[in-house]
Amino acid sequence: MSFAHNGKKSKGRSVTVFIVRVAVLAAMLTVGKLALSFIPNVEIVTLLVIVYGSALGPAYVLPATLIFCAVEMALYGIGTWNVLYFVYWPLLGLCSCLLRGRRLPLAILLGAVGSVAFGALDACVNTLFVAGKLAPISLGNYFVVYYLRGLYFDLIHVISSAVTIGFLYLPLVKVLSAAMRDAYLKRRLRSSAAAYPYVYKREAKLSARDICEGSSQDESNRDERVQEESVG
């Protein structure tokens, strides 16, 4: 009975930890966007989404990006860009999951291609919203004009994404991966201590004794080397 209770408690704690982590990741996306909102088309959301997908996988990057899109819609209202956001950011996160670690050239390429695709997708979405008002031939012209009008900003987006990813991608992946790995090990340690307290305490005592014996052995070996050197 106690093992089942501990298992349910551990599972509930894991779910809570997961929700908190996703909320923090989504909040970082929102704060990062707001921090650079005064500079047109310069942002770190692309960098963070690629880092999340590469270091944490789809289980974290998908809910984080969806929450980010919902928060953006709550802050700025409803518009054609809502469709763009809910399609582009989760898709970018899924693509970044394929990086699986520290592949900087592919990360920079993904950020650059994604920035170009963002502008093209934006033009597609806005063209579809006026599809009922224009003839088929005019739709093509509308798409081209709309895309070319924002090409300058897309170029800034590509350059800024490439620069931020080039400088910050590897450090952020390393820090985030290490933090998640340490948290996982600590959670497993707490679960073992709760489920098997006697075994855990016994192993802890044995580990402490091994450490003490190892340090004592190292000190004795060091003393022997010092005596040999003094005799020599």
C-alpha atoms as a PDB file:
ATOM      1  CA  MET A   1       0.000   0.000   0.000  1.00  0.00           C
ATOM      2  CA  SER A   2       2.781   2.417   0.880  1.00  0.00           C
ATOM      3  CA  PHE A   3       4.605   1.680  -2.388  1.00  0.00           C
ATOM      4  CA  ALA A   4       1.424   2.398  -4.395  1.00  0.00           C
ATOM      5  CA  HIS A   5       0.855   5.600  -2.452  1.00  0.00           C
ATOM      6  CA  ASN A   6       4.431   6.705  -3.037  1.00  0.00           C
ATOM      7  CA  GLY A   7       4.086   5.904  -6.738  1.00  0.00           C
ATOM      8  CA  LYS A   8       0.939   8.028  -7.090  1.00  0.00           C
ATOM      9  CA  LYS A   9       2.535  10.852  -5.131  1.00  0.00           C
ATOM     10  CA  SER A  10       5.668  10.725  -7.272  1.00  0.00           C
ATOM     11  CA  LYS A  11       3.588  10.723 -10.464  1.00  0.00           C
ATOM     12  CA  GLY A  12       1.571  13.711  -9.305  1.00  0.00           C
ATOM     13  CA  ARG A  13       4.750  15.575  -8.430  1.00  0.00           C
ATOM     14  CA  SER A  14       6.203  14.789 -11.866  1.00  0.00           C
ATOM     15  CA  VAL A  15       3.111  16.194 -13.596  1.00  0.00           C
ATOM     16  CA  THR A  16       3.296  19.346 -11.495  1.00  0.00           C
ATOM     17  CA  VAL A  17       6.982  19.787 -12.267  1.00  0.00           C
ATOM     18  CA  PHE A  18       6.287  19.326 -15.989  1.00  0.00           C
ATOM     19  CA  ILE A  19       3.529  21.960 -15.971  1.00  0.00           C
ATOM     20  CA  VAL A  20       5.748  24.437 -14.130  1.00  0.00           C
ATOM     21  CA  ARG A  21       8.606  23.875 -16.540  1.00  0.00           C
ATOM     22  CA  VAL A  22       6.401  24.373 -19.592  1.00  0.00           C
ATOM     23  CA  ALA A  23       4.981  27.554 -18.047  1.00  0.00           C
ATOM     24  CA  VAL A  24       8.489  28.907 -17.422  1.00  0.00           C
ATOM     25  CA  LEU A  25       9.577  28.085 -20.983  1.00  0.00           C
ATOM     26  CA  ALA A  26       6.498  29.804 -22.431  1.00  0.00           C
ATOM     27  CA  ALA A  27       7.034  32.831 -20.179  1.00  0.00           C
ATOM     28  CA  MET A  28      10.627  33.117 -21.406  1.00  0.00           C
ATOM     29  CA  LEU A  29       9.336  33.253 -24.996  1.00  0.00           C
ATOM     30  CA  THR A  30       6.913  36.050 -24.141  1.00  0.00           C
ATOM     31  CA  VAL A  31       9.448  38.034 -22.115  1.00  0.00           C
ATOM     32  CA  GLY A  32      12.099  37.574 -24.799  1.00  0.00           C
ATOM     33  CA  LYS A  33       9.744  38.889 -27.465  1.00  0.00           C
ATOM     34  CA  LEU A  34       8.700  41.883 -25.371  1.00  0.00           C
ATOM     35  CA  ALA A  35      12.313  42.720 -24.492  1.00  0.00           C
ATOM     36  CA  LEU A  36      13.240  43.294 -28.142  1.00  0.00           C
ATOM     37  CA  SER A  37       9.863  44.491 -29.425  1.00  0.00           C
ATOM     38  CA  PHE A  38      11.221  48.025 -29.927  1.00  0.00           C
ATOM     39  CA  ILE A  39      13.548  46.736 -32.701  1.00  0.00           C
ATOM     40  CA  PRO A  40      11.617  45.764 -35.874  1.00  0.00           C
ATOM     41  CA  ASN A  41      12.000  42.082 -36.790  1.00  0.00           C
ATOM     42  CA  VAL A  42      14.796  41.464 -34.280  1.00  0.00           C
ATOM     43  CA  GLU A  43      13.787  38.780 -31.780  1.00  0.00           C
ATOM     44  CA  ILE A  44      15.093  35.825 -29.803  1.00  0.00           C
ATOM     45  CA  VAL A  45      11.945  33.700 -29.986  1.00  0.00           C
ATOM     46  CA  THR A  46      13.390  31.794 -32.940  1.00  0.00           C
ATOM     47  CA  LEU A  47      16.548  31.056 -30.961  1.00  0.00           C
ATOM     48  CA  LEU A  48      14.650  29.919 -27.869  1.00  0.00           C
ATOM     49  CA  VAL A  49      12.243  27.689 -29.791  1.00  0.00           C
ATOM     50  CA  ILE A  50      15.135  25.974 -31.593  1.00  0.00           C
ATOM     51  CA  VAL A  51      16.968  25.520 -28.282  1.00  0.00           C
ATOM     52  CA  TYR A  52      13.840  24.064 -26.627  1.00  0.00           C
ATOM     53  CA  GLY A  53      13.251  21.601 -29.428  1.00  0.00           C
ATOM     54  CA  SER A  54      16.885  20.581 -29.686  1.00  0.00           C
ATOM     55  CA  ALA A  55      17.519  20.164 -25.950  1.00  0.00           C
ATOM     56  CA  LEU A  56      14.101  19.089 -24.622  1.00  0.00           C
ATOM     57  CA  GLY A  57      12.180  17.555 -27.509  1.00  0.00           C
ATOM     58  CA  PRO A  58       8.538  17.840 -28.623  1.00  0.00           C
ATOM     59  CA  ALA A  59       7.056  17.124 -25.183  1.00  0.00           C
ATOM     60  CA  TYR A  60       8.220  20.553 -24.005  1.00  0.00           C
ATOM     61  CA  VAL A  61       8.544  22.682 -27.125  1.00  0.00           C
ATOM     62  CA  LEU A  62       5.019  22.029 -28.453  1.00  0.00           C
ATOM     63  CA  PRO A  63       3.028  23.085 -25.347  1.00  0.00           C
ATOM     64  CA  ALA A  64       5.443  25.964 -24.717  1.00  0.00           C
ATOM     65  CA  THR A  65       4.959  27.395 -28.224  1.00  0.00           C
ATOM     66  CA  LEU A  66       1.182  26.906 -28.128  1.00  0.00           C
ATOM     67  CA  ILE A  67       0.948  28.723 -24.794  1.00  0.00           C
ATOM     68  CA  PHE A  68       3.153  31.491 -26.180  1.00  0.00           C
ATOM     69  CA  CYS A  69       0.821  31.894 -29.179  1.00  0.00           C
ATOM     70  CA  ALA A  70      -2.244  32.003 -26.913  1.00  0.00           C
ATOM     71  CA  VAL A  71      -0.632  34.645 -24.673  1.00  0.00           C
ATOM     72  CA  GLU A  72       0.286  36.740 -27.729  1.00  0.00           C
ATOM     73  CA  MET A  73      -3.313  36.567 -28.930  1.00  0.00           C
ATOM     74  CA  ALA A  74      -4.524  37.634 -25.477  1.00  0.00           C
ATOM     75  CA  LEU A  75      -2.100  40.574 -25.447  1.00  0.00           C
ATOM     76  CA  TYR A  76      -2.545  41.872 -28.994  1.00  0.00           C
ATOM     77  CA  GLY A  77      -6.001  40.675 -30.037  1.00  0.00           C
ATOM     78  CA  ILE A  78      -7.229  38.619 -32.966  1.00  0.00           C
ATOM     79  CA  GLY A  79      -5.876  39.019 -36.481  1.00  0.00           C
ATOM     80  CA  THR A  80      -4.525  37.148 -39.470  1.00  0.00           C
ATOM     81  CA  TRP A  81      -1.213  36.757 -37.665  1.00  0.00           C
ATOM     82  CA  ASN A  82      -2.886  34.400 -35.139  1.00  0.00           C
ATOM     83  CA  VAL A  83      -3.096  31.692 -37.796  1.00  0.00           C
ATOM     84  CA  LEU A  84       0.508  32.375 -38.759  1.00  0.00           C
ATOM     85  CA  TYR A  85       1.720  32.037 -35.180  1.00  0.00           C
ATOM     86  CA  PHE A  86      -0.205  28.855 -34.377  1.00  0.00           C
ATOM     87  CA  VAL A  87       1.189  27.209 -37.522  1.00  0.00           C
ATOM     88  CA  TYR A  88       4.734  28.553 -37.666  1.00  0.00           C
ATOM     89  CA  TRP A  89       6.055  28.353 -34.098  1.00  0.00           C
ATOM     90  CA  PRO A  90       4.963  24.770 -33.290  1.00  0.00           C
ATOM     91  CA  LEU A  91       6.222  23.683 -36.720  1.00  0.00           C
ATOM     92  CA  LEU A  92       9.595  25.330 -36.095  1.00  0.00           C
ATOM     93  CA  GLY A  93       9.766  23.592 -32.719  1.00  0.00           C
ATOM     94  CA  LEU A  94       9.091  20.193 -34.282  1.00  0.00           C
ATOM     95  CA  CYS A  95      11.750  20.764 -36.938  1.00  0.00           C
ATOM     96  CA  SER A  96      14.286  21.769 -34.279  1.00  0.00           C
ATOM     97  CA  CYS A  97      13.709  18.445 -32.504  1.00  0.00           C
ATOM     98  CA  LEU A  98      15.554  16.805 -35.398  1.00  0.00           C
ATOM     99  CA  LEU A  99      18.771  18.611 -34.420  1.00  0.00           C
ATOM    100  CA  ARG A 100      19.114  16.496 -31.256  1.00  0.00           C
ATOM    101  CA  GLY A 101      21.965  18.388 -29.653  1.00  0.00           C
ATOM    102  CA  ARG A 102      24.776  20.676 -30.607  1.00  0.00           C
ATOM    103  CA  ARG A 103      24.636  20.931 -34.398  1.00  0.00           C
ATOM    104  CA  LEU A 104      25.325  24.619 -34.819  1.00  0.00           C
ATOM    105  CA  PRO A 105      25.456  24.837 -38.648  1.00  0.00           C
ATOM    106  CA  LEU A 106      22.100  23.075 -38.964  1.00  0.00           C
ATOM    107  CA  ALA A 107      20.636  25.276 -36.238  1.00  0.00           C
ATOM    108  CA  ILE A 108      21.741  28.437 -38.074  1.00  0.00           C
ATOM    109  CA  LEU A 109      20.368  27.047 -41.343  1.00  0.00           C
ATOM    110  CA  LEU A 110      17.057  26.186 -39.692  1.00  0.00           C
ATOM    111  CA  GLY A 111      16.790  29.668 -38.198  1.00  0.00           C
ATOM    112  CA  ALA A 112      17.530  31.334 -41.545  1.00  0.00           C
ATOM    113  CA  VAL A 113      15.158  29.124 -43.544  1.00  0.00           C
ATOM    114  CA  GLY A 114      12.510  29.501 -40.864  1.00  0.00           C
ATOM    115  CA  SER A 115      12.782  33.282 -40.991  1.00  0.00           C
ATOM    116  CA  VAL A 116      12.329  33.250 -44.768  1.00  0.00           C
ATOM    117  CA  ALA A 117       9.413  30.836 -44.430  1.00  0.00           C
ATOM    118  CA  PHE A 118       7.832  33.113 -41.820  1.00  0.00           C
ATOM    119  CA  GLY A 119       7.550  35.926 -44.361  1.00  0.00           C
ATOM    120  CA  ALA A 120       6.256  33.618 -47.099  1.00  0.00           C
ATOM    121  CA  LEU A 121       3.717  32.028 -44.763  1.00  0.00           C
ATOM    122  CA  ASP A 122       2.578  35.469 -43.625  1.00  0.00           C
ATOM    123  CA  ALA A 123       1.961  36.440 -47.252  1.00  0.00           C
ATOM    124  CA  CYS A 124       0.062  33.176 -47.865  1.00  0.00           C
ATOM    125  CA  VAL A 125      -2.192  33.654 -44.839  1.00  0.00           C
ATOM    126  CA  ASN A 126      -3.063  37.230 -45.755  1.00  0.00           C
ATOM    127  CA  THR A 127      -3.664  36.223 -49.368  1.00  0.00           C
ATOM    128  CA  LEU A 128      -6.074  33.478 -48.281  1.00  0.00           C
ATOM    129  CA  PHE A 129      -8.029  35.956 -46.162  1.00  0.00           C
ATOM    130  CA  VAL A 130      -8.779  38.061 -49.247  1.00  0.00           C
ATOM    131  CA  ALA A 131      -9.276  35.088 -51.580  1.00  0.00           C
ATOM    132  CA  GLY A 132     -13.028  35.632 -51.819  1.00  0.00           C
ATOM    133  CA  LYS A 133     -12.637  39.235 -52.911  1.00  0.00           C
ATOM    134  CA  LEU A 134     -10.112  38.827 -55.728  1.00  0.00           C
ATOM    135  CA  ALA A 135      -9.908  36.893 -58.978  1.00  0.00           C
ATOM    136  CA  PRO A 136      -7.445  33.954 -59.147  1.00  0.00           C
ATOM    137  CA  ILE A 137      -4.987  35.939 -61.259  1.00  0.00           C
ATOM    138  CA  SER A 138      -5.134  38.875 -58.863  1.00  0.00           C
ATOM    139  CA  LEU A 139      -4.434  36.550 -55.918  1.00  0.00           C
ATOM    140  CA  GLY A 140      -1.008  35.706 -57.335  1.00  0.00           C
ATOM    141  CA  ASN A 141      -0.206  39.373 -57.836  1.00  0.00           C
ATOM    142  CA  TYR A 142      -1.428  40.177 -54.331  1.00  0.00           C
ATOM    143  CA  PHE A 143       0.844  37.487 -52.857  1.00  0.00           C
ATOM    144  CA  VAL A 144       3.908  38.734 -54.756  1.00  0.00           C
ATOM    145  CA  VAL A 145       3.307  42.375 -53.845  1.00  0.00           C
ATOM    146  CA  TYR A 146       2.637  41.539 -50.197  1.00  0.00           C
ATOM    147  CA  TYR A 147       5.751  39.385 -49.934  1.00  0.00           C
ATOM    148  CA  LEU A 148       8.041  41.877 -51.687  1.00  0.00           C
ATOM    149  CA  ARG A 149       6.745  44.666 -49.485  1.00  0.00           C
ATOM    150  CA  GLY A 150       8.024  42.850 -46.393  1.00  0.00           C
ATOM    151  CA  LEU A 151      11.197  41.448 -47.959  1.00  0.00           C
ATOM    152  CA  TYR A 152      13.390  44.075 -46.296  1.00  0.00           C
ATOM    153  CA  PHE A 153      12.087  43.116 -42.862  1.00  0.00           C
ATOM    154  CA  ASP A 154      12.469  39.419 -43.683  1.00  0.00           C
ATOM    155  CA  LEU A 155      16.123  40.049 -44.505  1.00  0.00           C
ATOM    156  CA  ILE A 156      16.631  41.714 -41.110  1.00  0.00           C
ATOM    157  CA  HIS A 157      14.848  38.753 -39.515  1.00  0.00           C
ATOM    158  CA  VAL A 158      17.169  36.267 -41.233  1.00  0.00           C
ATOM    159  CA  ILE A 159      20.338  38.126 -40.245  1.00  0.00           C
ATOM    160  CA  SER A 160      19.300  38.680 -36.620  1.00  0.00           C
ATOM    161  CA  SER A 161      18.256  35.035 -36.212  1.00  0.00           C
ATOM    162  CA  ALA A 162      21.533  33.779 -37.690  1.00  0.00           C
ATOM    163  CA  VAL A 163      23.594  36.035 -35.411  1.00  0.00           C
ATOM    164  CA  THR A 164      21.736  35.182 -32.192  1.00  0.00           C
ATOM    165  CA  ILE A 165      21.766  31.457 -32.959  1.00  0.00           C
ATOM    166  CA  GLY A 166      25.443  31.556 -33.889  1.00  0.00           C
ATOM    167  CA  PHE A 167      26.441  33.125 -30.568  1.00  0.00           C
ATOM    168  CA  LEU A 168      23.907  31.716 -28.091  1.00  0.00           C
ATOM    169  CA  TYR A 169      22.641  28.368 -29.390  1.00  0.00           C
ATOM    170  CA  LEU A 170      25.407  26.113 -28.069  1.00  0.00           C
ATOM    171  CA  PRO A 171      25.689  27.732 -24.593  1.00  0.00           C
ATOM    172  CA  LEU A 172      21.918  27.661 -24.078  1.00  0.00           C
ATOM    173  CA  VAL A 173      21.591  24.038 -25.204  1.00  0.00           C
ATOM    174  CA  LYS A 174      24.417  23.039 -22.872  1.00  0.00           C
ATOM    175  CA  VAL A 175      22.949  24.880 -19.867  1.00  0.00           C
ATOM    176  CA  LEU A 176      19.382  23.686 -20.458  1.00  0.00           C
ATOM    177  CA  SER A 177      20.408  20.067 -21.043  1.00  0.00           C
ATOM    178  CA  ALA A 178      22.577  20.046 -17.911  1.00  0.00           C
ATOM    179  CA  ALA A 179      19.799  21.584 -15.808  1.00  0.00           C
ATOM    180  CA  MET A 180      17.251  19.038 -16.979  1.00  0.00           C
ATOM    181  CA  ARG A 181      19.680  16.154 -16.434  1.00  0.00           C
ATOM    182  CA  ASP A 182      20.492  17.284 -12.886  1.00  0.00           C
ATOM    183  CA  ALA A 183      16.801  17.721 -12.085  1.00  0.00           C
ATOM    184  CA  TYR A 184      16.067  14.229 -13.411  1.00  0.00           C
ATOM    185  CA  LEU A 185      18.804  12.653 -11.308  1.00  0.00           C
ATOM    186  CA  LYS A 186      17.644  14.465  -8.176  1.00  0.00           C
ATOM    187  CA  ARG A 187      14.048  13.351  -8.772  1.00  0.00           C
ATOM    188  CA  ARG A 188      15.122   9.731  -9.215  1.00  0.00           C
ATOM    189  CA  LEU A 189      17.170   9.960  -6.040  1.00  0.00           C
ATOM    190  CA  ARG A 190      14.209  11.305  -4.061  1.00  0.00           C
ATOM    191  CA  SER A 191      11.938   8.609  -5.505  1.00  0.00           C
ATOM    192  CA  SER A 192      14.386   5.888  -4.490  1.00  0.00           C
ATOM    193  CA  ALA A 193      14.681   7.338  -1.013  1.00  0.00           C
ATOM    194  CA  ALA A 194      10.898   7.417  -0.605  1.00  0.00           C
ATOM    195  CA  ALA A 195      10.261   3.919  -1.965  1.00  0.00           C
ATOM    196  CA  TYR A 196      13.175   2.091  -0.354  1.00  0.00           C
ATOM    197  CA  PRO A 197      14.328   4.151   2.636  1.00  0.00           C
ATOM    198  CA  TYR A 198      16.324   1.319   4.284  1.00  0.00           C
ATOM    199  CA  VAL A 199      18.193   0.423   1.090  1.00  0.00           C
ATOM    200  CA  TYR A 200      18.783   4.090   0.294  1.00  0.00           C
ATOM    201  CA  LYS A 201      20.216   4.823   3.765  1.00  0.00           C
ATOM    202  CA  ARG A 202      22.390   1.700   3.656  1.00  0.00           C
ATOM    203  CA  GLU A 203      23.764   2.621   0.209  1.00  0.00           C
ATOM    204  CA  ALA A 204      24.362   6.185   1.385  1.00  0.00           C
ATOM    205  CA  LYS A 205      26.324   4.924   4.382  1.00  0.00           C
ATOM    206  CA  LEU A 206      28.337   2.545   2.208  1.00  0.00           C
ATOM    207  CA  SER A 207      29.074   5.344  -0.268  1.00  0.00           C
ATOM    208  CA  ALA A 208      30.195   7.639   2.548  1.00  0.00           C
ATOM    209  CA  ARG A 209      32.393   4.905   3.985  1.00  0.00           C
ATOM    210  CA  ASP A 210      33.907   4.207   0.566  1.00  0.00           C
ATOM    211  CA  ILE A 211      34.676   7.882   0.146  1.00  0.00           C
ATOM    212  CA  CYS A 212      36.337   8.056   3.574  1.00  0.00           C
ATOM    213  CA  GLU A 213      38.332   4.907   2.923  1.00  0.00           C
ATOM    214  CA  GLY A 214      39.353   6.178  -0.480  1.00  0.00           C
ATOM    215  CA  SER A 215      40.510   9.493   0.932  1.00  0.00           C
ATOM    216  CA  SER A 216      42.418   7.711   3.721  1.00  0.00           C
ATOM    217  CA  GLN A 217      44.057   5.452   1.175  1.00  0.00           C
ATOM    218  CA  ASP A 218      44.999   8.460  -0.944  1.00  0.00           C
ATOM    219  CA  GLU A 219      46.554  10.181   2.072  1.00  0.00           C
ATOM    220  CA  SER A 220      48.575   7.078   3.002  1.00  0.00           C
ATOM    221  CA  ASN A 221      49.799   6.722  -0.575  1.00  0.00           C
ATOM    222  CA  ARG A 222      50.772  10.376  -0.617  1.00  0.00           C
ATOM    223  CA  ASP A 223      52.694   9.979   2.662  1.00  0.00           C
ATOM    224  CA  GLU A 224      54.543   6.963   1.285  1.00  0.00           C
ATOM    225  CA  ARG A 225      55.549   8.917  -1.835  1.00  0.00           C
ATOM    226  CA  VAL A 226      56.808  11.791   0.297  1.00  0.00           C
ATOM    227  CA  GLN A 227      58.917   9.424   2.416  1.00  0.00           C
ATOM    228  CA  GLU A 228      60.364   7.742  -0.663  1.00  0.00           C
ATOM    229  CA  GLU A 229      61.274  11.106  -2.184  1.00  0.00           C
ATOM    230  CA  SER A 230      62.920  12.293   1.061  1.00  0.00           C
ATOM    231  CA  VAL A 231      64.944   9.061   1.312  1.00  0.00           C
ATOM    232  CA  GLY A 232      65.963   9.282  -2.318  1.00  0.00           C
END
